Amino acid sequence: MKAYDGIYLDGAWRPATGQDTIDVVNPVDEQVIGRVPAGTAEDVDAAVRAARAALPAWAATAPAERAARLTALRDALAARQDEIAETVTAELGSPPKLSQAVHAALPITVAGSYAELAATYAFEEKVGNSTVHHEPIGVVGAITPWNYPLHQIVAKVAPALAAGCTVVLKPAEDTPLVAQLFAEAVHEAGIPAGVFNLVTGLGPVAGQALAEHPEVDLVSFTGSTAVGRRIGAAAGAAVKKTALELGGKSANVILPSADLARAVNVGVANVMSNSGQTCSAWTRMLVHRERYEEAVGIAATAAAKYGDRIGPVVSAKQQERVRSYIEKGVAEGARLVAGGPESPCERGYFVSPTVFADVTPDMTIAQEEIFGPVLTILSYEDEEDALRIANGTVYGLAGAVWAGDEQEAVAFARRMDTGQVDINGGRFNPLAPFGGYKQSGVGRELGTHGLAEYLQTKSLQF
């Protein structure tokens, strides 16, 4: 598997300033599959300076030309789709079908959507006697997570480039190899030198240096709420804009009129997808008390089918984190109806698909993001009780509502404090704004709302 020895800086691969490297480990067999540089603050500074130097020319480039470069980027990613899928499978442990269908295909779709938006977006508009210009915010520091490694890169870099910004990317240290493939595609697409730069490295070193750099105009971060708070504090001190997509503890509310079997089965599938490593996963299933035990039985049966269908979690650290939450759930009195803390395999960072019943809203497993294949099932008395439980966490990223009458589900969804709600199993829309309320973040990604995050507004009065 290809791994570059350096960082992608100012249109070329260059040696990092330090000698330290980061091992990339396959979470299925725990074998080292590659090494990347552990970028330093000096590397980040060089990348930011390259981005700053490239900014005036790229910002002045006609939107049609930016659209053409993004179309070329989409095509370069599409040509690498099989290699991308294989790389994500190797460094994340994602099953091959999921790697192809989601980890490789979705970023290609998103890149294409921003190619179209770059060509059609109204960067200038008339408002009364004013002309309003939407201009690039400047140099973007993008810090991305490991759970959807290429999708999160494209969801930040593509709109930034469409807006006319330049970018320095610091990908997650667990999954940096697909970021190198992305840099290859950027180079092949003819995007000018310095417009996109890649520095691999550790969060407390390279990530912190990027977030705090005085020449970075916007920090776009996806990851934990705890790290998001630190980035927000650092950016606030510099009066710097942030776009933060953080944690979630989404509620899957099954109203009494819903098709219970379908709602529960789809809900279990949602939690188990990507081994539970999805910030928007519906990890709290809310069921009316009269149908509660029926739902628990359906969920336990469904979860058992995923034992050999999901991959591992990304690392030994993540495996231990998830297992500790399972143990805490048992200790706090929840009823384990599927799975448990024991690893199902002797090798690899696997976690058994786990379902808890008799969960109360105040339990740790009902309040904190676990980020593994763990579902909690809670009962409610009536719709007001369900709404109280659904809104009763610090998070508000996503959710779902099921009802026999679609309008009944919509009425409930409108009262949920969350950024996205799927109605009766609604499909993911890569053009819809994605982001959260409360401590799930600030700002939106995808579609026109995602593009707007990378623009600032100037009014000219006549």
Protein backbone atom coordinates (compact mmCIF):
# COMPACT_ATOMS: atom_id res chain seq x y z
CA MET A 1 0.00 0.00 0.00
CA LYS A 2 1.34 3.38 -1.05
CA ALA A 3 2.45 5.78 1.65
CA TYR A 4 4.40 8.98 1.04
CA ASP A 5 7.40 9.87 3.14
CA GLY A 6 6.61 13.57 3.22
CA ILE A 7 3.85 16.15 3.33
CA TYR A 8 2.04 17.68 0.36
CA LEU A 9 3.16 21.29 0.40
CA ASP A 10 2.83 23.97 -2.27
CA GLY A 11 2.01 21.48 -5.03
CA ALA A 12 4.70 18.86 -4.31
CA TRP A 13 5.61 16.10 -1.88
CA ARG A 14 8.31 17.39 0.45
CA PRO A 15 10.13 15.95 3.48
CA ALA A 16 8.70 16.81 6.87
CA THR A 17 10.98 18.77 9.19
CA GLY A 18 10.97 16.13 11.91
CA GLN A 19 12.04 12.50 11.87
CA ASP A 20 9.13 11.05 13.83
CA THR A 21 6.54 8.91 12.06
CA ILE A 22 3.09 7.52 12.82
CA ASP A 23 2.31 3.84 12.33
CA VAL A 24 -0.93 3.09 10.50
CA VAL A 25 -2.44 -0.12 11.91
CA ASN A 26 -4.99 -2.41 10.31
CA PRO A 27 -7.64 -2.86 13.05
CA VAL A 28 -8.61 -6.30 11.75
CA ASP A 29 -5.26 -8.02 12.32
CA GLU A 30 -3.34 -5.32 14.26
CA GLN A 31 -0.55 -5.25 11.67
CA VAL A 32 1.27 -2.07 10.64
CA ILE A 33 0.36 -1.29 7.03
CA GLY A 34 2.11 2.04 6.57
CA ARG A 35 3.85 4.99 8.15
CA VAL A 36 3.36 8.70 7.65
CA PRO A 37 5.26 11.72 8.93
CA ALA A 38 4.38 13.15 12.31
CA GLY A 39 4.19 16.74 11.09
CA THR A 40 5.49 19.51 13.31
CA ALA A 41 4.40 23.07 14.02
CA GLU A 42 7.07 24.13 11.53
CA ASP A 43 5.45 21.96 8.85
CA VAL A 44 2.08 23.49 9.59
CA ASP A 45 3.53 26.98 9.41
CA ALA A 46 5.08 26.25 6.00
CA ALA A 47 1.76 24.86 4.75
CA VAL A 48 -0.19 27.87 6.00
CA ARG A 49 2.30 30.25 4.39
CA ALA A 50 1.93 28.39 1.10
CA ALA A 51 -1.86 28.62 1.37
CA ARG A 52 -1.67 32.34 2.17
CA ALA A 53 0.58 32.99 -0.83
CA ALA A 54 -1.77 31.10 -3.15
CA LEU A 55 -4.92 32.78 -1.86
CA PRO A 56 -5.09 35.99 -3.95
CA ALA A 57 -4.84 34.22 -7.29
CA TRP A 58 -7.24 31.39 -6.39
CA ALA A 59 -9.79 33.79 -4.86
CA ALA A 60 -9.69 35.82 -8.07
CA THR A 61 -10.19 32.75 -10.27
CA ALA A 62 -13.54 32.76 -12.04
CA PRO A 63 -16.15 30.46 -10.45
CA ALA A 64 -16.42 28.57 -13.74
CA GLU A 65 -12.72 27.71 -13.59
CA ARG A 66 -12.97 26.63 -9.95
CA ALA A 67 -15.90 24.44 -11.01
CA ALA A 68 -13.78 22.89 -13.76
CA ARG A 69 -11.00 22.04 -11.31
CA LEU A 70 -13.51 20.49 -8.91
CA THR A 71 -14.99 18.45 -11.74
CA ALA A 72 -11.49 17.21 -12.52
CA LEU A 73 -11.03 16.39 -8.82
CA ARG A 74 -14.27 14.40 -8.81
CA ASP A 75 -13.08 12.48 -11.87
CA ALA A 76 -9.66 11.82 -10.32
CA LEU A 77 -11.35 10.43 -7.21
CA ALA A 78 -13.68 8.29 -9.33
CA ALA A 79 -10.68 6.82 -11.16
CA ARG A 80 -9.27 5.80 -7.76
CA GLN A 81 -12.53 4.48 -6.32
CA ASP A 82 -11.35 0.89 -5.93
CA GLU A 83 -8.04 1.96 -4.40
CA ILE A 84 -9.85 4.34 -2.05
CA ALA A 85 -12.18 1.57 -0.89
CA GLU A 86 -9.29 -0.85 -0.37
CA THR A 87 -7.35 1.77 1.59
CA VAL A 88 -10.26 2.60 3.90
CA THR A 89 -10.87 -1.11 4.48
CA ALA A 90 -7.22 -1.53 5.44
CA GLU A 91 -6.84 1.46 7.77
CA LEU A 92 -10.37 1.70 9.23
CA GLY A 93 -11.41 -1.97 9.09
CA SER A 94 -14.59 -1.15 7.19
CA PRO A 95 -16.14 -4.14 5.34
CA PRO A 96 -15.41 -3.92 1.59
CA LYS A 97 -19.05 -3.39 0.55
CA LEU A 98 -19.41 -0.46 2.96
CA SER A 99 -16.08 0.96 1.83
CA GLN A 100 -17.21 0.92 -1.80
CA ALA A 101 -20.77 2.13 -1.28
CA VAL A 102 -20.14 4.81 1.34
CA HIS A 103 -16.50 5.59 2.04
CA ALA A 104 -15.51 5.78 -1.64
CA ALA A 105 -18.72 6.61 -3.53
CA LEU A 106 -20.19 9.30 -1.26
CA PRO A 107 -17.16 11.63 -1.43
CA ILE A 108 -17.25 11.45 -5.23
CA THR A 109 -20.89 12.53 -5.16
CA VAL A 110 -20.15 15.39 -2.76
CA ALA A 111 -17.19 16.59 -4.83
CA GLY A 112 -19.45 16.63 -7.89
CA SER A 113 -22.11 18.60 -6.04
CA TYR A 114 -19.61 21.36 -5.25
CA ALA A 115 -18.39 21.45 -8.83
CA GLU A 116 -21.98 22.26 -9.81
CA LEU A 117 -22.43 24.78 -6.99
CA ALA A 118 -19.20 26.60 -7.84
CA ALA A 119 -20.64 27.23 -11.31
CA THR A 120 -24.15 28.22 -10.23
CA TYR A 121 -23.91 29.85 -6.78
CA ALA A 122 -24.89 33.55 -6.60
CA PHE A 123 -21.60 35.02 -5.40
CA GLU A 124 -23.10 38.48 -6.07
CA GLU A 125 -26.65 39.72 -5.51
CA LYS A 126 -28.63 42.97 -5.53
CA VAL A 127 -30.38 44.06 -2.32
CA GLY A 128 -32.12 47.38 -2.81
CA ASN A 129 -29.47 49.98 -3.58
CA SER A 130 -26.67 47.59 -2.53
CA THR A 131 -24.61 45.00 -4.30
CA VAL A 132 -23.75 42.17 -1.92
CA HIS A 133 -20.59 40.21 -2.63
CA HIS A 134 -19.96 36.77 -1.11
CA GLU A 135 -16.19 36.41 -0.95
CA PRO A 136 -13.84 33.64 0.26
CA ILE A 137 -13.07 33.86 3.94
CA GLY A 138 -9.38 33.11 3.34
CA VAL A 139 -7.10 30.33 4.53
CA VAL A 140 -8.95 27.33 5.98
CA GLY A 141 -7.51 24.90 8.49
CA ALA A 142 -9.38 21.60 8.10
CA ILE A 143 -9.03 18.97 10.82
CA THR A 144 -10.83 15.73 10.00
CA PRO A 145 -11.76 12.54 11.90
CA TRP A 146 -11.10 8.88 11.24
CA ASN A 147 -14.63 7.46 11.09
CA TYR A 148 -15.51 8.64 7.54
CA PRO A 149 -12.02 9.71 6.53
CA LEU A 150 -12.45 10.69 2.89
CA HIS A 151 -16.03 11.93 3.15
CA GLN A 152 -15.09 14.35 5.91
CA ILE A 153 -12.12 15.60 3.90
CA VAL A 154 -14.23 16.25 0.81
CA ALA A 155 -17.07 17.80 2.86
CA LYS A 156 -14.60 20.48 4.01
CA VAL A 157 -12.09 20.88 1.20
CA ALA A 158 -14.51 20.87 -1.75
CA PRO A 159 -16.73 23.74 -0.52
CA ALA A 160 -13.67 25.70 0.61
CA LEU A 161 -12.15 25.42 -2.87
CA ALA A 162 -15.50 26.22 -4.50
CA ALA A 163 -15.68 29.39 -2.39
CA GLY A 164 -12.20 30.47 -3.46
CA CYS A 165 -10.42 29.62 -0.20
CA THR A 166 -7.11 27.84 0.16
CA VAL A 167 -6.72 24.93 2.56
CA VAL A 168 -4.35 23.17 4.93
CA LEU A 169 -5.63 19.71 5.86
CA LYS A 170 -4.64 17.77 8.99
CA PRO A 171 -6.29 14.34 8.73
CA ALA A 172 -6.82 11.90 11.59
CA GLU A 173 -3.67 10.01 12.52
CA ASP A 174 -5.51 6.67 12.49
CA THR A 175 -6.58 6.96 8.83
CA PRO A 176 -4.09 9.19 6.98
CA LEU A 177 -3.46 7.02 3.92
CA VAL A 178 -6.69 7.90 2.14
CA ALA A 179 -5.83 11.58 2.69
CA GLN A 180 -2.67 10.97 0.68
CA LEU A 181 -4.76 9.49 -2.13
CA PHE A 182 -6.87 12.64 -1.99
CA ALA A 183 -3.75 14.80 -2.34
CA GLU A 184 -2.79 12.73 -5.40
CA ALA A 185 -6.21 13.44 -6.90
CA VAL A 186 -5.89 17.18 -6.16
CA HIS A 187 -2.53 17.24 -7.94
CA GLU A 188 -3.89 15.36 -10.95
CA ALA A 189 -6.88 17.71 -11.14
CA GLY A 190 -4.58 20.64 -11.83
CA ILE A 191 -5.48 22.61 -8.73
CA PRO A 192 -2.73 25.25 -8.44
CA ALA A 193 0.20 24.84 -6.07
CA GLY A 194 -0.49 26.03 -2.54
CA VAL A 195 -4.27 25.98 -2.89
CA PHE A 196 -4.40 22.63 -1.08
CA ASN A 197 -1.78 21.42 1.39
CA LEU A 198 -1.62 18.26 3.51
CA VAL A 199 0.19 17.83 6.83
CA THR A 200 -0.15 14.48 8.59
CA GLY A 201 0.49 14.48 12.31
CA LEU A 202 -0.83 14.18 15.83
CA GLY A 203 -3.72 16.30 17.04
CA PRO A 204 -1.96 17.90 20.04
CA VAL A 205 0.96 18.93 17.80
CA ALA A 206 -0.03 19.51 14.17
CA GLY A 207 -3.74 19.95 14.87
CA GLN A 208 -3.19 22.46 17.64
CA ALA A 209 -0.64 24.39 15.59
CA LEU A 210 -3.13 24.63 12.72
CA ALA A 211 -6.05 25.69 14.92
CA GLU A 212 -3.98 28.39 16.64
CA HIS A 213 -2.09 29.70 13.61
CA PRO A 214 -2.65 33.47 13.23
CA GLU A 215 -2.78 33.24 9.43
CA VAL A 216 -5.67 30.73 9.43
CA ASP A 217 -8.98 32.54 8.93
CA LEU A 218 -11.37 29.64 9.61
CA VAL A 219 -10.96 26.35 11.44
CA SER A 220 -13.26 23.55 10.29
CA PHE A 221 -13.16 20.63 12.70
CA THR A 222 -15.05 17.38 13.01
CA GLY A 223 -14.50 15.29 16.12
CA SER A 224 -15.27 15.10 19.81
CA THR A 225 -17.08 17.84 21.68
CA ALA A 226 -14.21 18.06 24.17
CA VAL A 227 -11.67 18.88 21.45
CA GLY A 228 -14.18 21.16 19.74
CA ARG A 229 -14.45 23.22 22.91
CA ARG A 230 -10.66 23.71 22.97
CA ILE A 231 -10.59 24.71 19.31
CA GLY A 232 -13.50 27.08 19.84
CA ALA A 233 -11.75 28.69 22.81
CA ALA A 234 -8.51 29.16 20.87
CA ALA A 235 -10.35 30.56 17.87
CA GLY A 236 -12.43 32.86 20.06
CA ALA A 237 -9.32 34.40 21.55
CA ALA A 238 -8.24 35.34 18.01
CA VAL A 239 -11.80 36.31 16.91
CA LYS A 240 -11.53 33.58 14.28
CA LYS A 241 -14.48 31.79 12.72
CA THR A 242 -15.01 28.09 13.41
CA ALA A 243 -17.17 25.39 11.88
CA LEU A 244 -17.50 22.56 14.40
CA GLU A 245 -19.24 19.25 13.75
CA LEU A 246 -19.10 17.47 17.08
CA GLY A 247 -20.71 14.64 19.03
CA GLY A 248 -24.18 13.16 19.03
CA LYS A 249 -26.55 10.98 21.03
CA SER A 250 -29.42 10.87 18.59
CA ALA A 251 -32.89 9.64 19.48
CA ASN A 252 -34.87 7.21 17.33
CA VAL A 253 -38.46 7.87 18.43
CA ILE A 254 -40.94 5.13 17.55
CA LEU A 255 -44.47 6.45 18.06
CA PRO A 256 -47.28 3.97 18.88
CA SER A 257 -48.74 4.09 15.36
CA ALA A 258 -45.47 3.11 13.68
CA ASP A 259 -44.62 -0.16 11.97
CA LEU A 260 -42.66 -1.43 14.98
CA ALA A 261 -40.74 -4.23 13.29
CA ARG A 262 -39.51 -2.01 10.47
CA ALA A 263 -38.62 0.88 12.77
CA VAL A 264 -36.66 -1.34 15.15
CA ASN A 265 -34.82 -3.27 12.44
CA VAL A 266 -33.82 -0.11 10.58
CA GLY A 267 -32.82 1.46 13.88
CA VAL A 268 -30.52 -1.43 14.75
CA ALA A 269 -28.97 -1.32 11.27
CA ASN A 270 -28.34 2.39 11.66
CA VAL A 271 -26.45 1.90 14.93
CA MET A 272 -24.39 -1.04 13.68
CA SER A 273 -23.34 0.62 10.40
CA ASN A 274 -19.63 1.52 10.35
CA SER A 275 -19.31 -0.43 13.62
CA GLY A 276 -21.27 2.28 15.40
CA GLN A 277 -18.62 4.88 14.60
CA THR A 278 -21.07 7.46 13.28
CA CYS A 279 -21.72 10.72 15.11
CA SER A 280 -25.30 10.87 13.84
CA ALA A 281 -26.19 7.25 14.72
CA TRP A 282 -29.57 6.75 16.43
CA THR A 283 -28.07 5.27 19.57
CA ARG A 284 -31.15 5.89 21.77
CA MET A 285 -34.28 4.01 20.71
CA LEU A 286 -37.45 5.33 22.38
CA VAL A 287 -40.46 2.97 22.46
CA HIS A 288 -43.88 3.33 24.11
CA ARG A 289 -44.08 1.25 27.29
CA GLU A 290 -46.94 -0.91 25.94
CA ARG A 291 -44.79 -2.21 23.08
CA TYR A 292 -41.45 -2.00 24.84
CA GLU A 293 -40.70 -5.68 25.42
CA GLU A 294 -41.75 -6.52 21.86
CA ALA A 295 -39.27 -3.95 20.56
CA VAL A 296 -36.52 -5.26 22.83
CA GLY A 297 -36.99 -8.78 21.45
CA ILE A 298 -36.88 -7.59 17.85
CA ALA A 299 -33.74 -5.53 18.51
CA ALA A 300 -31.92 -8.39 20.26
CA THR A 301 -32.65 -10.75 17.37
CA ALA A 302 -31.59 -8.15 14.80
CA ALA A 303 -28.34 -7.30 16.60
CA ALA A 304 -27.32 -10.96 16.76
CA LYS A 305 -27.28 -11.06 12.94
CA TYR A 306 -24.55 -8.41 12.83
CA GLY A 307 -21.98 -10.46 14.72
CA ASP A 308 -20.00 -11.36 11.59
CA ARG A 309 -21.20 -8.49 9.39
CA ILE A 310 -19.54 -5.46 10.97
CA GLY A 311 -15.88 -4.63 11.15
CA PRO A 312 -13.78 -3.72 14.18
CA VAL A 313 -13.57 -0.31 15.76
CA VAL A 314 -10.60 1.73 14.64
CA SER A 315 -8.06 1.14 17.41
CA ALA A 316 -7.24 -0.58 20.68
CA LYS A 317 -7.96 2.71 22.46
CA GLN A 318 -11.41 2.92 20.89
CA GLN A 319 -12.12 -0.73 21.65
CA GLU A 320 -11.30 -0.18 25.31
CA ARG A 321 -13.45 2.96 25.39
CA VAL A 322 -16.50 1.16 24.01
CA ARG A 323 -16.03 -1.86 26.26
CA SER A 324 -15.74 0.41 29.31
CA TYR A 325 -19.11 1.98 28.45
CA ILE A 326 -20.69 -1.46 28.14
CA GLU A 327 -19.34 -2.40 31.54
CA LYS A 328 -20.66 0.87 32.97
CA GLY A 329 -24.10 0.16 31.53
CA VAL A 330 -24.19 -3.20 33.31
CA ALA A 331 -22.91 -1.65 36.53
CA GLU A 332 -25.62 1.04 36.45
CA GLY A 333 -28.38 -1.55 36.14
CA ALA A 334 -29.21 -1.70 32.44
CA ARG A 335 -30.28 -5.11 31.09
CA LEU A 336 -27.91 -6.61 28.53
CA VAL A 337 -29.99 -8.39 25.86
CA ALA A 338 -27.33 -8.76 23.14
CA GLY A 339 -23.56 -8.61 23.03
CA GLY A 340 -21.44 -7.53 25.96
CA PRO A 341 -17.95 -6.30 26.81
CA GLU A 342 -16.08 -9.46 25.80
CA SER A 343 -14.32 -9.28 22.44
CA PRO A 344 -15.71 -11.81 19.94
CA CYS A 345 -12.26 -12.35 18.35
CA GLU A 346 -8.81 -13.13 19.68
CA ARG A 347 -7.20 -10.64 17.31
CA GLY A 348 -8.42 -7.30 16.05
CA TYR A 349 -10.29 -4.46 17.70
CA PHE A 350 -13.73 -6.04 17.52
CA VAL A 351 -16.69 -5.23 19.75
CA SER A 352 -19.81 -7.39 19.89
CA PRO A 353 -23.02 -5.75 18.62
CA THR A 354 -24.62 -4.79 21.93
CA VAL A 355 -28.17 -3.89 22.96
CA PHE A 356 -29.25 -2.60 26.38
CA ALA A 357 -32.81 -2.61 27.70
CA ASP A 358 -34.23 -1.08 30.90
CA VAL A 359 -32.18 2.03 30.25
CA THR A 360 -33.20 5.20 32.10
CA PRO A 361 -32.51 8.67 30.72
CA ASP A 362 -30.01 9.52 33.43
CA MET A 363 -27.72 6.53 32.83
CA THR A 364 -24.28 7.22 31.43
CA ILE A 365 -24.95 5.08 28.36
CA ALA A 366 -28.04 7.20 27.61
CA GLN A 367 -26.22 10.52 27.98
CA GLU A 368 -22.69 10.11 26.61
CA GLU A 369 -21.50 9.33 23.10
CA ILE A 370 -20.08 5.79 23.03
CA PHE A 371 -19.06 5.64 19.34
CA GLY A 372 -19.37 1.90 18.95
CA PRO A 373 -22.01 -0.72 18.08
CA VAL A 374 -24.08 -0.14 21.22
CA LEU A 375 -27.84 0.55 21.23
CA THR A 376 -29.78 1.71 24.29
CA ILE A 377 -33.57 1.22 24.41
CA LEU A 378 -35.69 3.47 26.62
CA SER A 379 -39.43 3.44 27.31
CA TYR A 380 -41.76 6.43 27.43
CA GLU A 381 -45.29 7.08 28.72
CA ASP A 382 -46.67 9.49 26.12
CA GLU A 383 -45.47 11.88 23.41
CA GLU A 384 -44.51 14.62 25.87
CA ASP A 385 -42.43 12.13 27.83
CA ALA A 386 -40.80 10.94 24.59
CA LEU A 387 -39.98 14.52 23.63
CA ARG A 388 -38.49 15.22 27.04
CA ILE A 389 -36.24 12.17 26.76
CA ALA A 390 -35.31 12.86 23.13
CA ASN A 391 -34.26 16.43 23.96
CA GLY A 392 -32.71 15.48 27.28
CA THR A 393 -29.01 15.40 26.38
CA VAL A 394 -26.38 18.05 25.65
CA TYR A 395 -26.36 16.90 22.01
CA GLY A 396 -28.60 17.66 19.06
CA LEU A 397 -27.07 16.33 15.86
CA ALA A 398 -29.61 13.97 14.29
CA GLY A 399 -32.56 11.71 15.01
CA ALA A 400 -35.47 9.78 13.60
CA VAL A 401 -39.24 9.60 14.05
CA TRP A 402 -41.55 6.77 12.98
CA ALA A 403 -45.34 6.96 12.82
CA GLY A 404 -48.17 5.47 10.79
CA ASP A 405 -49.11 8.98 9.67
CA GLU A 406 -46.25 10.95 8.14
CA GLN A 407 -47.64 14.27 9.35
CA GLU A 408 -47.74 12.92 12.90
CA ALA A 409 -44.04 12.15 12.60
CA VAL A 410 -43.29 15.56 11.10
CA ALA A 411 -45.14 17.34 13.91
CA PHE A 412 -43.03 15.50 16.49
CA ALA A 413 -39.79 16.06 14.54
CA ARG A 414 -40.37 19.80 14.42
CA ARG A 415 -40.21 19.88 18.23
CA MET A 416 -36.93 17.96 18.46
CA ASP A 417 -33.83 20.00 19.30
CA THR A 418 -31.65 18.53 16.58
CA GLY A 419 -30.18 19.42 13.20
CA GLN A 420 -31.49 16.55 11.08
CA VAL A 421 -34.43 14.19 11.53
CA ASP A 422 -35.24 11.21 9.30
CA ILE A 423 -38.97 10.58 8.88
CA ASN A 424 -40.00 6.92 8.57
CA GLY A 425 -36.56 5.91 7.35
CA GLY A 426 -35.86 8.86 5.06
CA ARG A 427 -32.72 8.51 2.96
CA PHE A 428 -29.52 10.48 3.53
CA ASN A 429 -29.38 13.56 1.32
CA PRO A 430 -25.83 14.78 0.47
CA LEU A 431 -27.21 18.20 -0.51
CA ALA A 432 -29.08 18.85 2.74
CA PRO A 433 -27.36 20.85 5.49
CA PHE A 434 -25.70 18.63 8.10
CA GLY A 435 -24.88 19.90 11.57
CA GLY A 436 -26.20 20.13 15.07
CA TYR A 437 -27.84 22.07 17.87
CA LYS A 438 -26.41 22.58 21.36
CA GLN A 439 -23.05 20.87 21.95
CA SER A 440 -23.23 18.99 18.65
CA GLY A 441 -21.56 21.91 16.97
CA VAL A 442 -21.60 25.21 15.14
CA GLY A 443 -22.28 25.64 11.43
CA ARG A 444 -23.39 23.31 8.66
CA GLU A 445 -21.77 21.08 6.05
CA LEU A 446 -22.94 19.90 2.61
CA GLY A 447 -24.90 21.68 -0.09
CA THR A 448 -25.33 25.44 -0.31
CA HIS A 449 -25.24 25.81 3.47
CA GLY A 450 -21.85 24.08 3.54
CA LEU A 451 -20.52 26.44 0.86
CA ALA A 452 -21.77 29.48 2.76
CA GLU A 453 -19.59 28.56 5.77
CA TYR A 454 -16.50 29.47 3.73
CA LEU A 455 -17.76 32.85 2.53
CA GLN A 456 -17.85 36.31 4.06
CA THR A 457 -20.14 39.12 3.01
CA LYS A 458 -19.39 42.60 1.72
CA SER A 459 -22.04 45.21 0.82
CA LEU A 460 -21.50 48.04 -1.65
CA GLN A 461 -24.08 50.85 -1.50
CA PHE A 462 -24.93 52.95 -4.56
